[in-house]
Amino acid sequence: MPELPEVETYVRELRPQVVGHRFTSVEVLWPRSVATPDVETFERLLVGLTVERLDRRAKYLNFRLDNGSHLLIHLKMSGRLRVESSGCSRQPHDRVLFGLTGDRQLRFNDTRKFGRVYLVAQEDFVTADLGPEPLEADFTLECFASQIKRRAATIKPLLLNQTFVAGLGNIYADEVLFRARIHPQRHANRLVDEEIRALYDAIQDILRQSIERQGTSFDLVYSGGIREARATYQLQLQVYGRKGQPCPNCGHLIERIIVGGRGTHVCPQCQSMRKEQGDER
């Protein structure tokens, strides 16, 4: 699933291609891709509106329209976006085609059909329950620490909880926990101040580094999207997807375990559970 860096990459790539352009047509090829409103209303209301801004909230692309409404797109597991000439052949799994001025189309492609598109008057209709943005100024160490200390939850699922912090997914949760040397099965409220600071720093550092490298992709041969053609952060991953390979810090073999129902990569030497058991507190 595209996570914060990948969605941010899409926003930066698409922004000069869509901002200032008007939607001239909408064709929904897979009706379930449209979460709200109904497809007929969606197509009718969107045509004629102009994109004034494009930004991101968590894993949502937010197209801010000239009538004050919002077109939100969540890519989910396999969604991709591309801008092409209207005359270009459609690709398999194209779900929604947005006609743009200049005889071009923004095309939403989604192999697994989990992605969703929303047209709403207020973005909070969709995003109200999301937690803080980890790269914004109001995401301070003090606020993060106070929230961590209140939670008895296991730390890996907590980082994946979008109401706790927005934008992290499985890849980056594994990477930040490794950087902070925290076992993913530790309990949040048992982390000491030094560990909380290390986790906070790792979240910000890794997300910024991934954005600089245009995100992570394991699908480099796909030619129709944006991030797949340029993403290089997968070359920097320390634990994710490296089961059985040596830890870059200590040489111990990386293990894959299940935490909160999610495949999780961990170095059992660098990310010890001993602190949770009280040996080194």
Protein backbone atom coordinates (compact mmCIF):
# COMPACT_ATOMS: atom_id res chain seq x y z
CA MET A 1 0.00 0.00 0.00
CA PRO A 2 1.31 3.47 -0.79
CA GLU A 3 2.23 5.18 2.48
CA LEU A 4 2.90 8.81 3.32
CA PRO A 5 6.09 9.22 1.21
CA GLU A 6 4.56 7.59 -1.84
CA VAL A 7 1.39 9.68 -1.64
CA GLU A 8 3.47 12.82 -1.12
CA THR A 9 5.43 11.88 -4.24
CA TYR A 10 2.21 11.58 -6.21
CA VAL A 11 1.08 15.00 -4.96
CA ARG A 12 4.34 16.68 -5.97
CA GLU A 13 4.37 15.02 -9.38
CA LEU A 14 0.72 15.67 -10.16
CA ARG A 15 0.49 19.21 -8.82
CA PRO A 16 1.90 21.01 -11.90
CA GLN A 17 -0.15 18.77 -14.19
CA VAL A 18 -3.57 19.36 -12.63
CA VAL A 19 -3.62 22.61 -10.63
CA GLY A 20 -5.41 25.29 -12.63
CA HIS A 21 -7.07 22.75 -14.88
CA ARG A 22 -10.79 22.12 -15.15
CA PHE A 23 -12.50 18.73 -15.17
CA THR A 24 -14.14 18.42 -18.58
CA SER A 25 -15.57 14.92 -18.14
CA VAL A 26 -15.72 12.04 -15.70
CA GLU A 27 -16.13 8.39 -16.64
CA VAL A 28 -16.49 5.85 -13.85
CA LEU A 29 -15.60 2.38 -15.13
CA TRP A 30 -15.89 0.62 -11.76
CA PRO A 31 -18.75 2.14 -9.75
CA ARG A 32 -17.51 0.86 -6.39
CA SER A 33 -14.40 3.03 -6.74
CA VAL A 34 -16.63 6.00 -5.92
CA ALA A 35 -17.36 5.99 -2.18
CA THR A 36 -19.54 9.11 -2.15
CA PRO A 37 -21.77 10.48 -3.60
CA ASP A 38 -23.52 8.08 -5.99
CA VAL A 39 -21.83 7.72 -9.36
CA GLU A 40 -24.35 9.79 -11.33
CA THR A 41 -24.11 12.68 -8.86
CA PHE A 42 -20.33 12.35 -8.70
CA GLU A 43 -19.96 12.67 -12.46
CA ARG A 44 -22.46 15.53 -12.69
CA LEU A 45 -21.04 17.63 -9.84
CA LEU A 46 -17.36 17.29 -10.74
CA VAL A 47 -17.55 18.33 -14.39
CA GLY A 48 -16.78 22.03 -14.77
CA LEU A 49 -14.87 22.39 -11.50
CA THR A 50 -11.25 23.55 -11.45
CA VAL A 51 -8.44 22.23 -9.26
CA GLU A 52 -7.17 25.17 -7.19
CA ARG A 53 -4.75 23.23 -4.99
CA LEU A 54 -3.48 19.71 -4.54
CA ASP A 55 -2.10 18.53 -1.23
CA ARG A 56 -2.10 15.50 1.04
CA ARG A 57 -3.78 14.45 4.27
CA ALA A 58 -2.32 11.21 5.62
CA LYS A 59 -2.63 8.76 2.70
CA TYR A 60 -5.30 10.79 0.88
CA LEU A 61 -4.65 13.02 -2.12
CA ASN A 62 -6.77 16.14 -1.64
CA PHE A 63 -7.80 18.01 -4.78
CA ARG A 64 -9.20 21.35 -3.55
CA LEU A 65 -11.76 22.62 -6.03
CA ASP A 66 -12.83 26.14 -6.95
CA ASN A 67 -16.30 25.80 -5.42
CA GLY A 68 -14.82 24.87 -2.04
CA SER A 69 -15.43 21.12 -2.34
CA HIS A 70 -12.80 18.39 -2.18
CA LEU A 71 -11.97 15.44 -4.40
CA LEU A 72 -10.20 12.92 -2.16
CA ILE A 73 -8.47 9.80 -3.49
CA HIS A 74 -7.14 6.97 -1.34
CA LEU A 75 -4.98 4.55 -3.31
CA LYS A 76 -5.31 1.67 -0.81
CA MET A 77 -3.37 -1.48 -1.78
CA SER A 78 -2.79 -1.08 -5.49
CA GLY A 79 -4.08 2.30 -6.67
CA ARG A 80 -2.04 4.36 -9.12
CA LEU A 81 -2.57 7.70 -10.84
CA ARG A 82 -1.25 8.99 -14.13
CA VAL A 83 -1.94 11.88 -16.51
CA GLU A 84 -2.06 11.00 -20.18
CA SER A 85 -3.38 12.32 -23.46
CA SER A 86 -7.06 11.50 -23.84
CA GLY A 87 -6.17 9.58 -26.98
CA CYS A 88 -3.88 7.11 -25.21
CA SER A 89 -5.14 3.57 -24.95
CA ARG A 90 -6.70 2.62 -21.69
CA GLN A 91 -4.89 0.16 -19.49
CA PRO A 92 -6.32 -2.87 -17.74
CA HIS A 93 -7.68 -1.96 -14.31
CA ASP A 94 -8.40 1.70 -15.12
CA ARG A 95 -11.32 2.51 -12.81
CA VAL A 96 -12.03 6.25 -13.14
CA LEU A 97 -11.10 8.61 -15.98
CA PHE A 98 -11.07 12.34 -15.22
CA GLY A 99 -11.01 14.50 -18.34
CA LEU A 100 -8.89 17.66 -18.01
CA THR A 101 -8.47 20.77 -20.10
CA GLY A 102 -5.72 20.38 -22.66
CA ASP A 103 -7.19 17.12 -23.97
CA ARG A 104 -5.67 15.08 -21.15
CA GLN A 105 -6.98 12.64 -18.56
CA LEU A 106 -6.13 11.88 -14.96
CA ARG A 107 -6.55 8.11 -14.78
CA PHE A 108 -7.11 6.16 -11.60
CA ASN A 109 -5.89 2.58 -12.00
CA ASP A 110 -6.51 0.02 -9.28
CA THR A 111 -5.83 -3.67 -9.81
CA ARG A 112 -7.32 -4.90 -6.54
CA LYS A 113 -10.29 -2.50 -6.53
CA PHE A 114 -9.78 -1.35 -2.92
CA GLY A 115 -9.02 2.30 -3.73
CA ARG A 116 -11.73 4.88 -3.15
CA VAL A 117 -12.67 8.29 -4.52
CA TYR A 118 -14.74 10.85 -2.59
CA LEU A 119 -16.35 14.16 -3.60
CA VAL A 120 -17.31 16.02 -0.44
CA ALA A 121 -18.14 19.56 0.64
CA GLN A 122 -15.79 19.34 3.64
CA GLU A 123 -12.66 17.21 3.80
CA ASP A 124 -13.39 16.43 7.46
CA PHE A 125 -16.28 14.27 6.28
CA VAL A 126 -13.58 11.74 5.38
CA THR A 127 -10.52 12.76 7.41
CA ALA A 128 -11.94 13.89 10.75
CA ASP A 129 -10.69 10.86 12.67
CA LEU A 130 -7.11 10.99 11.41
CA GLY A 131 -4.25 11.65 13.80
CA PRO A 132 -1.54 14.30 13.48
CA GLU A 133 0.70 14.64 10.45
CA PRO A 134 4.16 13.44 11.52
CA LEU A 135 6.04 16.04 9.46
CA GLU A 136 4.00 19.08 10.50
CA ALA A 137 5.17 21.61 13.08
CA ASP A 138 2.45 20.69 15.57
CA PHE A 139 3.75 17.11 15.76
CA THR A 140 6.08 17.86 18.64
CA LEU A 141 8.08 15.49 20.79
CA GLU A 142 6.13 16.62 23.84
CA CYS A 143 2.75 15.83 22.28
CA PHE A 144 3.99 12.51 20.90
CA ALA A 145 5.46 11.47 24.26
CA SER A 146 2.30 12.36 26.16
CA GLN A 147 0.20 10.23 23.81
CA ILE A 148 2.63 7.30 23.89
CA LYS A 149 2.65 7.22 27.69
CA ARG A 150 -1.14 6.98 27.79
CA ARG A 151 -1.33 3.93 25.55
CA ALA A 152 -0.88 0.35 26.76
CA ALA A 153 -1.14 -0.92 23.18
CA THR A 154 1.60 -2.86 21.42
CA ILE A 155 3.79 -0.30 19.68
CA LYS A 156 3.72 -1.66 16.10
CA PRO A 157 -0.11 -1.73 15.76
CA LEU A 158 -0.26 1.64 17.49
CA LEU A 159 2.00 3.18 14.83
CA LEU A 160 -0.27 1.71 12.16
CA ASN A 161 -3.35 3.21 13.81
CA GLN A 162 -4.20 6.20 11.60
CA THR A 163 -6.03 7.92 14.46
CA PHE A 164 -2.79 7.94 16.47
CA VAL A 165 -0.42 9.21 13.78
CA ALA A 166 -1.35 9.67 10.13
CA GLY A 167 0.41 8.16 7.15
CA LEU A 168 2.56 5.34 8.52
CA GLY A 169 2.10 1.87 7.08
CA ASN A 170 3.73 -1.50 7.45
CA ILE A 171 7.00 -0.71 5.67
CA TYR A 172 7.83 2.46 7.53
CA ALA A 173 6.62 1.17 10.91
CA ASP A 174 9.15 -1.66 10.63
CA GLU A 175 11.89 0.72 9.56
CA VAL A 176 11.33 3.33 12.29
CA LEU A 177 11.18 0.69 15.02
CA PHE A 178 14.45 -0.76 13.79
CA ARG A 179 16.09 2.66 13.67
CA ALA A 180 14.88 3.35 17.23
CA ARG A 181 15.94 -0.16 18.36
CA ILE A 182 12.50 -0.92 19.74
CA HIS A 183 10.96 -4.37 19.43
CA PRO A 184 7.58 -4.17 17.68
CA GLN A 185 5.92 -6.17 20.48
CA ARG A 186 6.88 -3.71 23.20
CA HIS A 187 4.04 -1.87 24.93
CA ALA A 188 3.88 1.85 24.24
CA ASN A 189 3.50 2.98 27.85
CA ARG A 190 6.58 1.03 28.90
CA LEU A 191 8.95 2.92 26.62
CA VAL A 192 11.36 5.17 28.46
CA ASP A 193 11.96 8.80 27.48
CA GLU A 194 15.11 8.00 25.49
CA GLU A 195 13.24 5.40 23.45
CA ILE A 196 10.33 7.74 22.80
CA ARG A 197 12.73 10.41 21.54
CA ALA A 198 14.50 7.86 19.35
CA LEU A 199 11.17 6.73 17.90
CA TYR A 200 10.02 10.30 17.27
CA ASP A 201 13.30 11.16 15.52
CA ALA A 202 13.18 7.95 13.46
CA ILE A 203 9.64 8.67 12.22
CA GLN A 204 10.60 12.10 10.97
CA ASP A 205 14.02 11.18 9.59
CA ILE A 206 12.88 8.11 7.68
CA LEU A 207 9.79 9.75 6.21
CA ARG A 208 11.82 12.75 5.03
CA GLN A 209 14.53 10.52 3.54
CA SER A 210 11.95 8.43 1.73
CA ILE A 211 10.23 11.51 0.31
CA GLU A 212 13.62 12.73 -0.96
CA ARG A 213 14.00 9.40 -2.78
CA GLN A 214 10.40 9.51 -4.03
CA GLY A 215 9.20 6.68 -1.86
CA THR A 216 9.47 2.91 -1.91
CA SER A 217 8.51 0.64 -4.77
CA PHE A 218 8.90 -3.07 -5.45
CA ASP A 219 7.28 -2.73 -8.88
CA LEU A 220 9.90 -0.91 -10.91
CA VAL A 221 8.84 -2.44 -14.23
CA TYR A 222 5.41 -0.79 -14.13
CA SER A 223 5.55 2.04 -16.65
CA GLY A 224 2.17 3.67 -16.29
CA GLY A 225 2.45 5.20 -12.85
CA ILE A 226 4.56 7.91 -11.27
CA ARG A 227 6.24 6.62 -8.16
CA GLU A 228 7.20 3.22 -9.62
CA ALA A 229 9.40 4.76 -12.27
CA ARG A 230 11.51 6.85 -9.88
CA ALA A 231 11.18 5.55 -6.33
CA THR A 232 14.49 4.42 -4.86
CA TYR A 233 14.00 4.23 -1.10
CA GLN A 234 13.54 0.46 -1.34
CA LEU A 235 17.32 0.37 -1.80
CA GLN A 236 17.73 1.91 1.67
CA LEU A 237 15.46 -0.44 3.61
CA GLN A 238 17.21 -1.95 6.62
CA VAL A 239 14.79 -4.68 7.73
CA TYR A 240 11.56 -4.67 5.73
CA GLY A 241 11.54 -7.51 3.20
CA ARG A 242 14.95 -8.75 4.37
CA LYS A 243 13.99 -11.93 6.22
CA GLY A 244 17.01 -14.21 6.58
CA GLN A 245 19.50 -11.51 5.60
CA PRO A 246 22.08 -10.11 8.01
CA CYS A 247 21.20 -7.09 10.11
CA PRO A 248 23.18 -4.07 8.84
CA ASN A 249 24.07 -3.19 12.45
CA CYS A 250 25.01 -6.47 14.14
CA GLY A 251 24.95 -9.19 11.48
CA HIS A 252 22.21 -11.22 13.20
CA LEU A 253 19.68 -12.61 10.73
CA ILE A 254 16.52 -10.56 10.25
CA GLU A 255 13.36 -12.41 11.30
CA ARG A 256 9.78 -12.08 10.12
CA ILE A 257 7.12 -12.39 12.81
CA ILE A 258 3.43 -11.57 13.02
CA VAL A 259 2.43 -8.61 15.19
CA GLY A 260 -1.17 -7.46 15.29
CA GLY A 261 -1.91 -9.64 12.29
CA ARG A 262 0.75 -7.96 10.15
CA GLY A 263 3.99 -9.39 8.83
CA THR A 264 6.77 -7.64 10.74
CA HIS A 265 10.53 -7.59 10.21
CA VAL A 266 12.81 -7.35 13.19
CA CYS A 267 16.39 -7.87 14.32
CA PRO A 268 16.02 -9.80 17.60
CA GLN A 269 19.50 -8.67 18.66
CA CYS A 270 19.15 -4.92 18.06
CA GLN A 271 15.47 -4.82 19.01
CA SER A 272 15.51 -6.83 22.19
CA MET A 273 12.44 -7.57 24.31
CA ARG A 274 14.57 -7.50 27.47
CA LYS A 275 13.54 -3.99 28.45
CA GLU A 276 9.90 -5.01 28.28
CA GLN A 277 10.73 -7.84 30.69
CA GLY A 278 12.36 -5.40 33.09
CA ASP A 279 15.99 -6.53 32.77
CA GLU A 280 17.45 -3.20 31.70
CA ARG A 281 15.14 -0.56 33.05
